[in-house]
N, C-alpha and C. Protein backbone atom coordinates (compact mmCIF):
# COMPACT_ATOMS: atom_id res chain seq x y z
N MET A 1 158.13 -93.15 104.55
CA MET A 1 156.93 -92.96 103.58
C MET A 1 157.52 -91.71 102.83
N LYS A 2 157.42 -92.06 101.55
CA LYS A 2 158.06 -90.65 100.97
C LYS A 2 156.93 -89.64 99.92
N SER A 3 156.85 -88.94 100.61
CA SER A 3 155.42 -87.79 99.50
C SER A 3 155.91 -87.75 97.63
N VAL A 4 155.31 -87.56 97.31
CA VAL A 4 154.99 -87.55 95.72
C VAL A 4 154.86 -86.05 95.16
N GLN A 5 155.70 -86.07 95.06
CA GLN A 5 155.38 -83.54 95.00
C GLN A 5 154.85 -83.57 92.62
N ARG A 6 154.00 -83.45 92.52
CA ARG A 6 153.74 -82.83 90.78
C ARG A 6 153.64 -81.79 90.86
N GLY A 7 154.72 -81.51 89.97
CA GLY A 7 154.46 -79.75 89.66
C GLY A 7 153.70 -79.87 88.08
N PHE A 8 153.36 -78.18 87.32
CA PHE A 8 152.79 -78.50 85.99
C PHE A 8 153.69 -79.09 85.00
N THR A 9 153.15 -79.38 84.13
CA THR A 9 154.19 -80.11 83.11
C THR A 9 154.02 -78.29 81.96
N LEU A 10 154.98 -78.92 81.09
CA LEU A 10 155.74 -77.72 80.16
C LEU A 10 154.49 -77.74 79.23
N LEU A 11 153.46 -78.66 78.98
CA LEU A 11 152.06 -78.22 78.28
C LEU A 11 151.12 -77.52 78.91
N GLU A 12 151.33 -77.75 80.67
CA GLU A 12 150.22 -76.64 81.21
C GLU A 12 150.31 -75.22 81.31
N VAL A 13 152.27 -75.03 81.06
CA VAL A 13 152.79 -74.23 81.74
C VAL A 13 152.34 -72.85 80.14
N LEU A 14 152.60 -73.91 79.48
CA LEU A 14 152.63 -73.43 77.47
C LEU A 14 150.91 -72.78 77.10
N VAL A 15 149.85 -74.05 77.77
CA VAL A 15 149.09 -73.01 77.89
C VAL A 15 148.14 -72.06 78.76
N ALA A 16 148.87 -71.96 80.16
CA ALA A 16 148.82 -71.06 80.52
C ALA A 16 149.22 -69.62 80.53
N LEU A 17 150.42 -69.79 79.46
CA LEU A 17 150.91 -68.83 78.99
C LEU A 17 150.27 -68.12 78.09
N VAL A 18 149.67 -68.80 77.27
CA VAL A 18 148.57 -68.51 75.89
C VAL A 18 147.81 -68.01 76.83
N ILE A 19 146.79 -68.44 77.55
CA ILE A 19 145.72 -67.64 77.89
C ILE A 19 145.61 -66.30 78.57
N PHE A 20 147.19 -66.67 79.39
CA PHE A 20 147.55 -64.69 79.96
C PHE A 20 147.66 -63.58 78.86
N ALA A 21 148.27 -64.39 77.49
CA ALA A 21 148.64 -63.31 76.49
C ALA A 21 147.30 -62.48 75.91
N LEU A 22 145.94 -63.86 75.63
CA LEU A 22 144.98 -63.54 74.77
C LEU A 22 144.72 -62.88 75.79
N LEU A 23 144.48 -62.89 77.11
CA LEU A 23 143.57 -61.95 77.87
C LEU A 23 144.11 -60.85 77.73
N SER A 24 145.26 -60.79 78.70
CA SER A 24 146.38 -58.92 78.61
C SER A 24 146.35 -58.57 77.24
N LEU A 25 146.21 -59.31 76.01
CA LEU A 25 145.86 -58.80 74.82
C LEU A 25 144.58 -57.77 74.12
N ALA A 26 143.23 -58.77 75.00
CA ALA A 26 141.70 -58.24 75.02
C ALA A 26 141.67 -56.93 75.72
N ALA A 27 142.39 -56.99 77.17
CA ALA A 27 142.20 -55.78 77.65
C ALA A 27 142.73 -54.82 76.94
N GLN A 28 144.22 -54.95 76.61
CA GLN A 28 144.12 -53.64 75.89
C GLN A 28 143.72 -53.05 74.62
N ALA A 29 142.98 -53.62 74.18
CA ALA A 29 141.91 -53.85 73.18
C ALA A 29 140.65 -52.33 73.54
N VAL A 30 140.67 -53.39 74.70
CA VAL A 30 139.53 -52.76 75.78
C VAL A 30 139.86 -51.24 76.18
N PHE A 31 141.02 -51.30 76.57
CA PHE A 31 141.05 -49.94 77.04
C PHE A 31 141.92 -49.20 75.82
N GLN A 32 142.39 -48.92 74.67
CA GLN A 32 142.57 -48.56 73.79
C GLN A 32 141.34 -47.87 72.96
N GLY A 33 140.52 -48.76 72.80
CA GLY A 33 138.44 -48.54 72.17
C GLY A 33 138.24 -47.11 73.48
N VAL A 34 138.87 -47.11 74.42
CA VAL A 34 138.68 -46.08 75.36
C VAL A 34 139.14 -44.98 75.92
N LEU A 35 140.44 -45.46 75.45
CA LEU A 35 140.92 -44.21 75.48
C LEU A 35 140.66 -43.37 74.33
N ARG A 36 140.24 -43.97 72.71
CA ARG A 36 140.49 -43.23 71.38
C ARG A 36 138.44 -42.97 72.21
N ASN A 37 137.86 -43.47 72.54
CA ASN A 37 136.08 -43.23 72.63
C ASN A 37 136.50 -41.62 73.65
N ASN A 38 137.44 -41.94 74.89
CA ASN A 38 137.49 -40.28 75.42
C ASN A 38 138.11 -39.57 74.93
N SER A 39 138.81 -39.28 73.83
CA SER A 39 139.08 -38.22 72.97
C SER A 39 139.11 -38.01 72.32
N VAL A 40 137.79 -38.70 70.86
CA VAL A 40 136.11 -38.23 70.65
C VAL A 40 135.35 -37.42 71.31
N MET A 41 135.27 -38.26 72.73
CA MET A 41 134.08 -37.35 73.00
C MET A 41 134.50 -35.82 73.53
N LYS A 42 135.57 -35.77 74.13
CA LYS A 42 136.57 -34.29 74.20
C LYS A 42 136.62 -33.66 73.07
N ALA A 43 136.85 -33.88 71.39
CA ALA A 43 137.01 -33.07 70.75
C ALA A 43 135.48 -32.71 70.55
N LYS A 44 134.65 -33.88 70.36
CA LYS A 44 132.84 -33.26 69.74
C LYS A 44 132.31 -32.37 70.82
N ILE A 45 132.78 -32.36 71.94
CA ILE A 45 132.31 -31.26 73.16
C ILE A 45 133.09 -30.23 73.17
N ALA A 46 134.47 -30.03 72.73
CA ALA A 46 135.35 -28.80 72.62
C ALA A 46 134.24 -28.24 71.45
N ARG A 47 134.37 -28.71 70.27
CA ARG A 47 133.53 -28.55 69.31
C ARG A 47 132.05 -27.85 69.46
N LEU A 48 131.12 -28.82 70.00
CA LEU A 48 130.10 -28.07 70.40
C LEU A 48 129.82 -26.47 71.04
N SER A 49 131.22 -26.68 72.42
CA SER A 49 131.10 -25.65 72.66
C SER A 49 131.73 -24.49 72.29
N GLU A 50 132.41 -24.85 71.18
CA GLU A 50 132.58 -24.14 70.10
C GLU A 50 132.11 -22.97 69.56
N LEU A 51 131.12 -24.04 68.93
CA LEU A 51 129.49 -22.86 68.00
C LEU A 51 128.86 -22.68 69.09
N SER A 52 128.46 -23.24 70.13
CA SER A 52 127.64 -23.02 71.32
C SER A 52 128.05 -21.25 71.60
N PHE A 53 129.74 -21.12 71.65
CA PHE A 53 130.18 -19.82 71.54
C PHE A 53 130.12 -19.15 70.94
N ALA A 54 129.52 -19.12 69.63
CA ALA A 54 129.35 -18.43 68.11
C ALA A 54 128.10 -18.10 68.13
N MET A 55 127.01 -19.08 67.57
CA MET A 55 125.85 -18.67 67.85
C MET A 55 125.47 -17.37 69.28
N GLN A 56 126.00 -18.08 70.83
CA GLN A 56 125.85 -16.67 71.77
C GLN A 56 126.63 -16.02 71.51
N GLN A 57 127.80 -15.25 70.93
CA GLN A 57 127.74 -14.11 70.45
C GLN A 57 127.90 -13.63 69.16
N LEU A 58 127.37 -13.93 68.90
CA LEU A 58 126.52 -13.55 66.85
C LEU A 58 125.09 -12.91 67.95
N GLU A 59 124.31 -14.29 68.62
CA GLU A 59 123.19 -12.94 69.27
C GLU A 59 122.91 -12.12 69.80
N ASN A 60 124.32 -11.94 70.80
CA ASN A 60 124.25 -10.66 71.29
C ASN A 60 124.61 -9.17 71.00
N ASP A 61 125.94 -9.85 69.44
CA ASP A 61 125.94 -8.45 69.09
C ASP A 61 125.05 -8.04 67.85
N PHE A 62 124.49 -9.28 67.69
CA PHE A 62 123.60 -8.36 66.34
C PHE A 62 121.78 -7.91 67.42
N ILE A 63 121.77 -8.13 68.47
CA ILE A 63 120.51 -8.17 69.10
C ILE A 63 120.94 -6.80 69.95
N HIS A 64 121.98 -6.60 70.03
CA HIS A 64 122.10 -5.20 70.35
C HIS A 64 122.14 -3.92 69.23
N MET A 65 122.35 -4.29 68.21
CA MET A 65 122.92 -3.78 66.92
C MET A 65 122.06 -2.62 67.43
N ALA A 66 122.58 -0.77 67.09
CA ALA A 66 122.23 0.27 67.23
C ALA A 66 122.13 0.63 66.08
N PRO A 67 121.50 2.22 65.84
CA PRO A 67 120.79 2.70 64.18
C PRO A 67 122.03 4.35 64.62
N ARG A 68 122.69 3.66 64.66
CA ARG A 68 123.57 4.71 64.64
C ARG A 68 125.13 4.67 63.57
N THR A 69 125.03 5.97 62.52
CA THR A 69 126.12 6.61 61.60
C THR A 69 127.36 6.35 62.54
N VAL A 70 128.48 5.82 60.95
CA VAL A 70 130.02 5.63 61.64
C VAL A 70 130.29 6.36 61.27
N ARG A 71 131.70 7.69 61.59
CA ARG A 71 132.69 7.73 60.42
C ARG A 71 133.79 7.47 60.25
N GLU A 72 134.40 7.10 59.08
CA GLU A 72 135.83 6.76 58.92
C GLU A 72 136.47 7.52 57.96
N SER A 73 137.88 8.38 59.09
CA SER A 73 138.42 9.15 58.11
C SER A 73 137.72 10.64 58.11
N GLY A 74 136.99 10.61 58.91
CA GLY A 74 136.18 12.50 58.68
C GLY A 74 134.57 11.72 57.47
N GLU A 75 134.40 10.63 57.04
CA GLU A 75 133.53 10.18 56.06
C GLU A 75 132.74 9.87 56.61
N ALA A 76 130.77 9.74 56.57
CA ALA A 76 129.95 9.27 57.10
C ALA A 76 130.10 7.77 56.31
N LYS A 77 129.28 6.57 57.11
CA LYS A 77 129.25 5.67 56.71
C LYS A 77 127.91 5.21 57.03
N ASN A 78 126.64 4.15 55.75
CA ASN A 78 125.68 3.68 56.57
C ASN A 78 125.90 2.94 57.53
N THR A 79 124.45 3.36 59.21
CA THR A 79 124.65 2.81 59.79
C THR A 79 124.72 1.04 60.02
N LEU A 80 124.45 0.29 58.87
CA LEU A 80 124.63 -1.02 58.54
C LEU A 80 124.90 -1.17 56.93
N PHE A 81 126.57 -1.66 57.09
CA PHE A 81 127.14 -1.49 55.76
C PHE A 81 127.26 -3.54 55.74
N VAL A 82 126.43 -4.10 54.62
CA VAL A 82 126.71 -5.04 54.29
C VAL A 82 127.15 -5.81 52.65
N GLY A 83 126.69 -6.55 52.48
CA GLY A 83 127.53 -7.00 51.06
C GLY A 83 128.05 -8.08 50.89
N ALA A 84 128.62 -9.12 50.01
CA ALA A 84 128.68 -10.21 49.73
C ALA A 84 129.96 -10.65 49.03
N ASP A 85 131.06 -11.61 49.04
CA ASP A 85 132.12 -11.06 48.50
C ASP A 85 132.65 -10.01 48.90
N GLY A 86 133.26 -9.48 49.47
CA GLY A 86 134.41 -8.06 49.36
C GLY A 86 134.28 -7.23 50.41
N VAL A 87 132.85 -7.10 51.44
CA VAL A 87 133.15 -6.89 52.46
C VAL A 87 134.26 -7.10 54.27
N LEU A 88 134.74 -6.03 54.41
CA LEU A 88 135.67 -6.37 55.18
C LEU A 88 136.48 -7.39 54.19
N ALA A 89 136.90 -7.99 53.69
CA ALA A 89 137.52 -8.95 52.30
C ALA A 89 137.22 -10.50 52.91
N SER A 90 136.16 -10.23 52.98
CA SER A 90 134.90 -11.68 53.94
C SER A 90 135.30 -12.84 52.30
N ARG A 91 135.53 -14.01 53.10
CA ARG A 91 135.41 -14.54 51.41
C ARG A 91 133.24 -14.97 51.37
N GLU A 92 132.85 -15.00 52.53
CA GLU A 92 131.44 -14.99 51.77
C GLU A 92 131.39 -13.53 51.74
N ASP A 93 129.52 -13.50 53.16
CA ASP A 93 129.17 -11.96 53.14
C ASP A 93 130.07 -11.40 54.41
N GLY A 94 129.83 -10.22 54.46
CA GLY A 94 130.63 -9.33 55.49
C GLY A 94 129.61 -8.04 56.18
N VAL A 95 129.51 -8.05 57.44
CA VAL A 95 128.75 -7.08 57.86
C VAL A 95 129.75 -6.08 58.42
N THR A 96 130.07 -5.38 59.15
CA THR A 96 130.10 -4.31 59.77
C THR A 96 128.66 -3.52 60.16
N PHE A 97 128.59 -3.04 61.44
CA PHE A 97 127.79 -1.99 62.74
C PHE A 97 128.17 -1.57 63.58
N THR A 98 127.24 -1.07 64.50
CA THR A 98 127.73 -0.57 65.71
C THR A 98 126.41 -1.07 66.42
N ARG A 99 126.92 -1.31 67.65
CA ARG A 99 126.42 -2.13 68.72
C ARG A 99 126.12 -1.24 69.86
N SER A 100 125.02 -1.62 70.65
CA SER A 100 125.12 -0.99 72.09
C SER A 100 125.30 -1.75 73.45
N GLY A 101 125.39 -1.32 74.68
CA GLY A 101 125.68 -2.50 75.05
C GLY A 101 126.83 -2.82 75.74
N TRP A 102 128.09 -2.24 75.43
CA TRP A 102 129.45 -2.09 75.41
C TRP A 102 129.60 -1.57 76.46
N ILE A 103 130.07 -2.58 78.17
CA ILE A 103 129.97 -1.90 79.70
C ILE A 103 130.86 -0.81 79.88
N ASN A 104 130.52 -0.18 80.20
CA ASN A 104 132.07 0.88 80.66
C ASN A 104 131.47 1.69 81.97
N PRO A 105 131.87 0.40 83.19
CA PRO A 105 131.20 0.95 84.47
C PRO A 105 131.76 2.61 85.21
N ASP A 106 130.99 3.11 85.11
CA ASP A 106 130.63 5.04 85.71
C ASP A 106 131.93 5.23 84.67
N ALA A 107 131.77 5.02 83.41
CA ALA A 107 132.42 5.96 82.30
C ALA A 107 134.09 6.17 82.35
N ARG A 108 135.07 4.34 83.31
CA ARG A 108 135.87 5.14 83.96
C ARG A 108 137.19 4.52 82.64
N LEU A 109 136.26 4.13 81.55
CA LEU A 109 137.07 3.72 80.29
C LEU A 109 137.12 4.85 79.29
N ARG A 110 137.98 5.83 78.55
CA ARG A 110 138.37 6.41 77.51
C ARG A 110 137.17 5.98 76.67
N ARG A 111 136.03 5.42 76.10
CA ARG A 111 135.63 5.28 75.42
C ARG A 111 133.36 4.90 75.71
N SER A 112 133.34 4.95 74.50
CA SER A 112 131.76 5.26 74.73
C SER A 112 130.89 3.73 75.27
N GLU A 113 129.47 3.39 75.35
CA GLU A 113 129.13 2.37 75.07
C GLU A 113 129.06 1.08 73.67
N PHE A 114 129.08 2.64 72.76
CA PHE A 114 128.73 1.77 71.58
C PHE A 114 129.65 1.21 71.12
N GLN A 115 129.95 0.27 70.31
CA GLN A 115 131.29 -0.55 70.09
C GLN A 115 131.29 -0.71 67.95
N ARG A 116 132.05 -0.80 67.77
CA ARG A 116 131.95 -0.87 65.81
C ARG A 116 132.55 -2.14 65.45
N LEU A 117 132.09 -3.46 65.82
CA LEU A 117 131.91 -4.74 64.75
C LEU A 117 131.79 -4.99 63.75
N GLY A 118 132.68 -5.72 62.87
CA GLY A 118 132.32 -6.72 61.78
C GLY A 118 132.69 -8.11 61.83
N TRP A 119 131.62 -8.92 60.91
CA TRP A 119 131.79 -10.47 60.99
C TRP A 119 132.50 -10.54 59.63
N ARG A 120 133.09 -11.83 59.00
CA ARG A 120 133.58 -11.58 58.48
C ARG A 120 134.39 -13.69 58.04
N LEU A 121 134.11 -13.65 56.93
CA LEU A 121 134.50 -15.57 57.10
C LEU A 121 136.45 -14.91 56.40
N LYS A 122 137.21 -15.39 56.52
CA LYS A 122 138.57 -15.54 56.15
C LYS A 122 139.02 -17.37 56.05
N GLY A 123 139.59 -17.57 55.14
CA GLY A 123 139.89 -18.97 54.74
C GLY A 123 138.24 -20.15 55.08
N THR A 124 138.95 -20.78 56.76
CA THR A 124 137.53 -21.25 57.45
C THR A 124 137.53 -20.75 58.70
N GLY A 125 137.96 -19.47 58.68
CA GLY A 125 137.53 -19.10 59.89
C GLY A 125 136.51 -18.43 59.89
N LEU A 126 135.37 -17.81 60.53
CA LEU A 126 134.36 -17.01 61.18
C LEU A 126 135.28 -15.86 62.30
N GLU A 127 135.54 -14.69 61.77
CA GLU A 127 135.95 -14.19 62.53
C GLU A 127 135.63 -13.07 62.85
N ARG A 128 135.53 -12.44 63.71
CA ARG A 128 135.06 -10.91 64.71
C ARG A 128 135.89 -9.78 64.74
N LEU A 129 135.48 -9.54 63.80
CA LEU A 129 136.79 -7.78 64.62
C LEU A 129 135.75 -6.57 64.99
N SER A 130 136.42 -6.12 65.94
CA SER A 130 136.05 -4.83 66.68
C SER A 130 137.26 -3.94 67.04
N TRP A 131 136.75 -2.49 66.80
CA TRP A 131 137.61 -0.92 67.26
C TRP A 131 136.82 -1.31 68.21
N LEU A 132 137.89 -0.15 68.53
CA LEU A 132 138.18 0.45 70.35
C LEU A 132 136.99 2.13 69.75
N TYR A 133 137.01 2.41 68.72
CA TYR A 133 135.80 3.89 69.06
C TYR A 133 135.15 3.21 67.75
N PRO A 134 134.12 4.23 68.17
CA PRO A 134 132.67 3.45 66.47
C PRO A 134 133.18 4.24 65.66
N ASP A 135 133.80 5.95 65.43
CA ASP A 135 133.81 6.44 64.96
C ASP A 135 135.38 6.18 64.35
N SER A 136 136.43 5.44 63.55
CA SER A 136 137.39 4.82 63.53
C SER A 136 138.77 6.11 62.68
N LEU A 137 139.45 6.16 63.13
CA LEU A 137 140.55 7.13 63.32
C LEU A 137 141.80 6.68 61.97
N PRO A 138 142.47 7.80 61.37
CA PRO A 138 142.86 7.26 59.58
C PRO A 138 143.71 6.12 60.28
N GLY A 139 144.23 4.52 59.64
CA GLY A 139 144.74 4.02 60.08
C GLY A 139 145.10 2.65 61.09
N ALA A 140 143.55 2.85 61.90
CA ALA A 140 142.93 2.30 63.23
C ALA A 140 142.86 0.92 62.39
N GLN A 141 143.17 -0.14 63.32
CA GLN A 141 143.17 -1.24 62.78
C GLN A 141 142.22 -2.06 63.76
N PRO A 142 140.99 -3.11 63.41
CA PRO A 142 140.19 -3.49 64.52
C PRO A 142 141.16 -4.81 65.23
N ARG A 143 141.02 -5.18 66.22
CA ARG A 143 141.01 -6.39 66.94
C ARG A 143 140.63 -7.62 66.38
N GLN A 144 141.06 -8.45 66.06
CA GLN A 144 140.45 -9.72 65.07
C GLN A 144 140.45 -10.61 65.53
N ARG A 145 139.75 -12.44 65.76
CA ARG A 145 139.45 -13.18 66.57
C ARG A 145 138.85 -13.96 66.10
N VAL A 146 138.79 -14.93 65.78
CA VAL A 146 138.66 -16.18 65.14
C VAL A 146 137.44 -17.04 65.62
N ILE A 147 136.49 -16.57 66.15
CA ILE A 147 135.15 -17.46 66.93
C ILE A 147 134.65 -19.08 66.87
N LEU A 148 135.11 -18.99 65.01
CA LEU A 148 134.08 -20.16 65.05
C LEU A 148 135.40 -20.77 63.62
N THR A 149 135.74 -22.26 63.82
CA THR A 149 136.38 -22.96 63.21
C THR A 149 135.75 -24.03 61.58
N ALA A 150 136.63 -24.00 60.40
CA ALA A 150 135.99 -25.34 60.13
C ALA A 150 134.50 -24.77 59.25
N VAL A 151 134.50 -23.02 58.72
CA VAL A 151 133.48 -23.03 58.66
C VAL A 151 134.01 -22.81 57.05
N ARG A 152 132.48 -23.51 55.93
CA ARG A 152 132.40 -23.35 54.36
C ARG A 152 131.75 -22.00 54.00
N GLN A 153 131.13 -21.83 53.95
CA GLN A 153 130.20 -21.20 53.95
C GLN A 153 129.34 -19.49 55.16
N PHE A 154 129.20 -18.84 55.25
CA PHE A 154 128.60 -17.43 55.68
C PHE A 154 128.10 -16.81 55.11
N ARG A 155 126.51 -17.18 55.86
CA ARG A 155 125.54 -15.82 54.65
C ARG A 155 124.58 -14.88 55.76
N LEU A 156 123.91 -14.21 55.20
CA LEU A 156 123.28 -13.41 55.60
C LEU A 156 122.08 -13.01 55.59
N ARG A 157 120.96 -12.71 56.10
CA ARG A 157 120.30 -12.07 55.42
C ARG A 157 119.39 -11.27 56.40
N TYR A 158 118.77 -10.68 55.79
CA TYR A 158 117.92 -9.45 56.76
C TYR A 158 116.28 -9.25 57.11
N TYR A 159 115.40 -8.61 57.70
CA TYR A 159 114.06 -8.93 57.64
C TYR A 159 113.72 -7.53 58.07
N ARG A 160 112.67 -6.84 57.63
CA ARG A 160 112.03 -5.74 57.43
C ARG A 160 110.40 -5.63 56.57
N ASP A 161 110.09 -4.99 57.62
CA ASP A 161 108.44 -5.64 57.00
C ASP A 161 108.08 -6.20 56.31
N GLY A 162 108.06 -7.55 57.10
CA GLY A 162 107.79 -8.71 55.99
C GLY A 162 108.43 -9.13 55.17
N ARG A 163 109.79 -8.92 55.60
CA ARG A 163 110.36 -9.29 53.31
C ARG A 163 111.56 -9.38 54.28
N TRP A 164 111.77 -10.86 53.77
CA TRP A 164 113.73 -11.28 54.16
C TRP A 164 114.40 -10.54 52.27
N SER A 165 115.40 -9.96 53.14
CA SER A 165 116.95 -9.58 51.73
C SER A 165 118.15 -10.72 52.05
N SER A 166 118.62 -10.30 51.01
CA SER A 166 120.61 -10.69 51.65
C SER A 166 120.65 -9.43 50.74
N ARG A 167 120.38 -8.32 50.55
CA ARG A 167 121.15 -6.82 50.72
C ARG A 167 120.41 -5.87 51.68
N TRP A 168 121.19 -5.09 51.82
CA TRP A 168 120.69 -4.11 52.89
C TRP A 168 120.77 -2.48 52.14
N ALA A 169 119.87 -1.58 51.71
CA ALA A 169 120.56 -0.71 51.16
C ALA A 169 119.51 0.32 51.52
N THR A 170 119.46 0.94 52.78
CA THR A 170 118.71 1.69 54.26
C THR A 170 119.39 1.94 54.44
N PRO A 171 120.04 3.24 54.36
CA PRO A 171 120.69 4.30 55.54
C PRO A 171 119.84 4.77 56.19
N GLY A 172 120.56 4.43 57.59
CA GLY A 172 120.11 4.90 58.61
C GLY A 172 118.80 4.09 59.19
N GLN A 173 119.01 3.08 59.10
CA GLN A 173 118.09 2.29 59.51
C GLN A 173 118.14 0.76 59.21
N ILE A 174 118.26 -0.30 60.32
CA ILE A 174 118.29 -1.42 60.48
C ILE A 174 117.33 -2.55 60.53
N PRO A 175 117.58 -3.27 60.16
CA PRO A 175 116.60 -4.28 60.13
C PRO A 175 115.92 -5.04 61.53
N GLN A 176 114.70 -5.30 61.45
CA GLN A 176 113.95 -6.25 62.52
C GLN A 176 114.49 -7.36 62.98
N ALA A 177 115.26 -7.81 62.00
CA ALA A 177 115.76 -9.42 62.39
C ALA A 177 117.01 -9.32 61.11
N VAL A 178 117.72 -10.50 61.73
CA VAL A 178 119.05 -11.13 61.29
C VAL A 178 118.97 -12.58 60.90
N GLU A 179 119.19 -13.24 60.34
CA GLU A 179 119.56 -14.07 59.34
C GLU A 179 120.72 -14.72 59.26
N VAL A 180 121.61 -15.92 59.87
CA VAL A 180 122.94 -15.76 60.01
C VAL A 180 122.35 -18.15 59.70
N THR A 181 123.34 -18.04 58.02
CA THR A 181 123.70 -19.29 57.55
C THR A 181 124.79 -19.61 58.16
N LEU A 182 125.71 -20.69 58.29
CA LEU A 182 127.04 -21.51 58.70
C LEU A 182 126.40 -22.86 57.63
N ALA A 183 127.72 -22.62 57.02
CA ALA A 183 127.65 -24.88 56.32
C ALA A 183 129.47 -24.76 56.54
N LEU A 184 129.04 -25.82 57.82
CA LEU A 184 130.36 -26.63 58.69
C LEU A 184 130.66 -27.74 57.98
N SER A 185 131.92 -28.00 57.76
CA SER A 185 132.26 -29.04 57.90
C SER A 185 132.10 -30.45 58.37
N ASP A 186 131.65 -30.53 59.42
CA ASP A 186 131.24 -31.38 60.48
C ASP A 186 129.95 -31.13 60.40
N TYR A 187 128.96 -30.40 60.64
CA TYR A 187 127.39 -30.35 61.22
C TYR A 187 126.52 -29.76 60.51
N GLY A 188 127.56 -30.15 59.31
CA GLY A 188 126.50 -29.58 57.56
C GLY A 188 125.76 -27.97 57.74
N THR A 189 124.69 -27.40 57.68
CA THR A 189 124.15 -26.26 57.39
C THR A 189 123.28 -25.88 58.90
N VAL A 190 123.64 -24.74 59.24
CA VAL A 190 123.43 -24.66 60.25
C VAL A 190 122.67 -23.15 60.32
N THR A 191 121.88 -22.77 60.36
CA THR A 191 120.66 -21.35 60.45
C THR A 191 120.30 -21.00 61.72
N ARG A 192 120.28 -19.83 62.26
CA ARG A 192 120.34 -18.72 63.10
C ARG A 192 119.27 -17.85 62.87
N ARG A 193 118.13 -17.10 63.59
CA ARG A 193 117.72 -15.58 63.17
C ARG A 193 117.55 -15.14 64.92
N PHE A 194 117.51 -14.22 64.15
CA PHE A 194 118.16 -13.12 65.34
C PHE A 194 117.49 -12.21 65.31
N TRP A 195 116.18 -11.77 66.33
CA TRP A 195 115.10 -10.64 66.87
C TRP A 195 115.90 -9.59 67.23
N LEU A 196 115.90 -8.26 66.39
CA LEU A 196 116.49 -7.37 67.06
C LEU A 196 115.77 -6.53 68.25
N ALA A 197 116.35 -5.75 69.01
CA ALA A 197 115.58 -4.73 70.47
C ALA A 197 114.96 -3.79 69.82
N GLU A 198 113.84 -3.67 70.24
CA GLU A 198 112.89 -3.29 70.32
C GLU A 198 112.99 -2.05 69.87
N GLU A 199 114.19 -0.74 70.67
CA GLU A 199 114.47 0.84 70.20
C GLU A 199 115.68 0.62 69.62
N GLY A 200 116.73 -0.55 68.90
CA GLY A 200 117.31 -0.69 67.52
C GLY A 200 115.96 -1.06 66.19
N ARG A 201 114.63 -0.72 65.78
CA ARG A 201 114.04 -1.06 64.88
C ARG A 201 113.65 0.01 63.73
C-alpha cells in the first residue's frame, strides 16, 4: 500500500510567516519600550542623585558657616558677603563666606580647617567656588565646580532675630538660618532652609 504524504500548502506557509512576523514586531516593540523606560529611569535617578548631592553640599557648607572676617589682597572683607546680580559674577544671587570643619588630620596639610567658599549661578549651572586659604593672596583663583545643572534661578534669604531678608548688611555676624530657592527646568521650584550651628550664631 502506498502511504499518502501531505505537506503544508502555500497558503498555510504564508499565514504562518505573517503570524511569526507580527509576533516578532510586537516583541520588538515591547523590547524597545523596555529600553526607553530603562533609559528614562536611569536619567531620572541620575538627576535626583545630582539634586540630592547639591542639597547635601549646600547644607554642609551653610551649617558650618563661621563668623570669621577674611582679607583679600590685604583688605578686610565682611564675614558674609552677599548680593544679587553681581557677586562672584553670578547671574542671580551670589554669596561668599568662611566655613569651619574642613578636615586637616593632625594639621598635616599646610592650611587651616577654615575654608573660604562661594556659591553662584553661571549660565544654568549652580557652581561652588572654593579657595585654598581663607585670606586670598593677590591673583589667587578659586576652584570652580558645577554642582547642579539645569538651574533657572538661584535665590537666597537670611534669617536673624525673627526676620527674613534677601540682603545681609551686618558685618561680623552671620545669620541664624539660610533659605535657598532653586528654580529647576524639570522639577520646578525647590526651597530648603538650613539652620546654622549654635556656635556660629
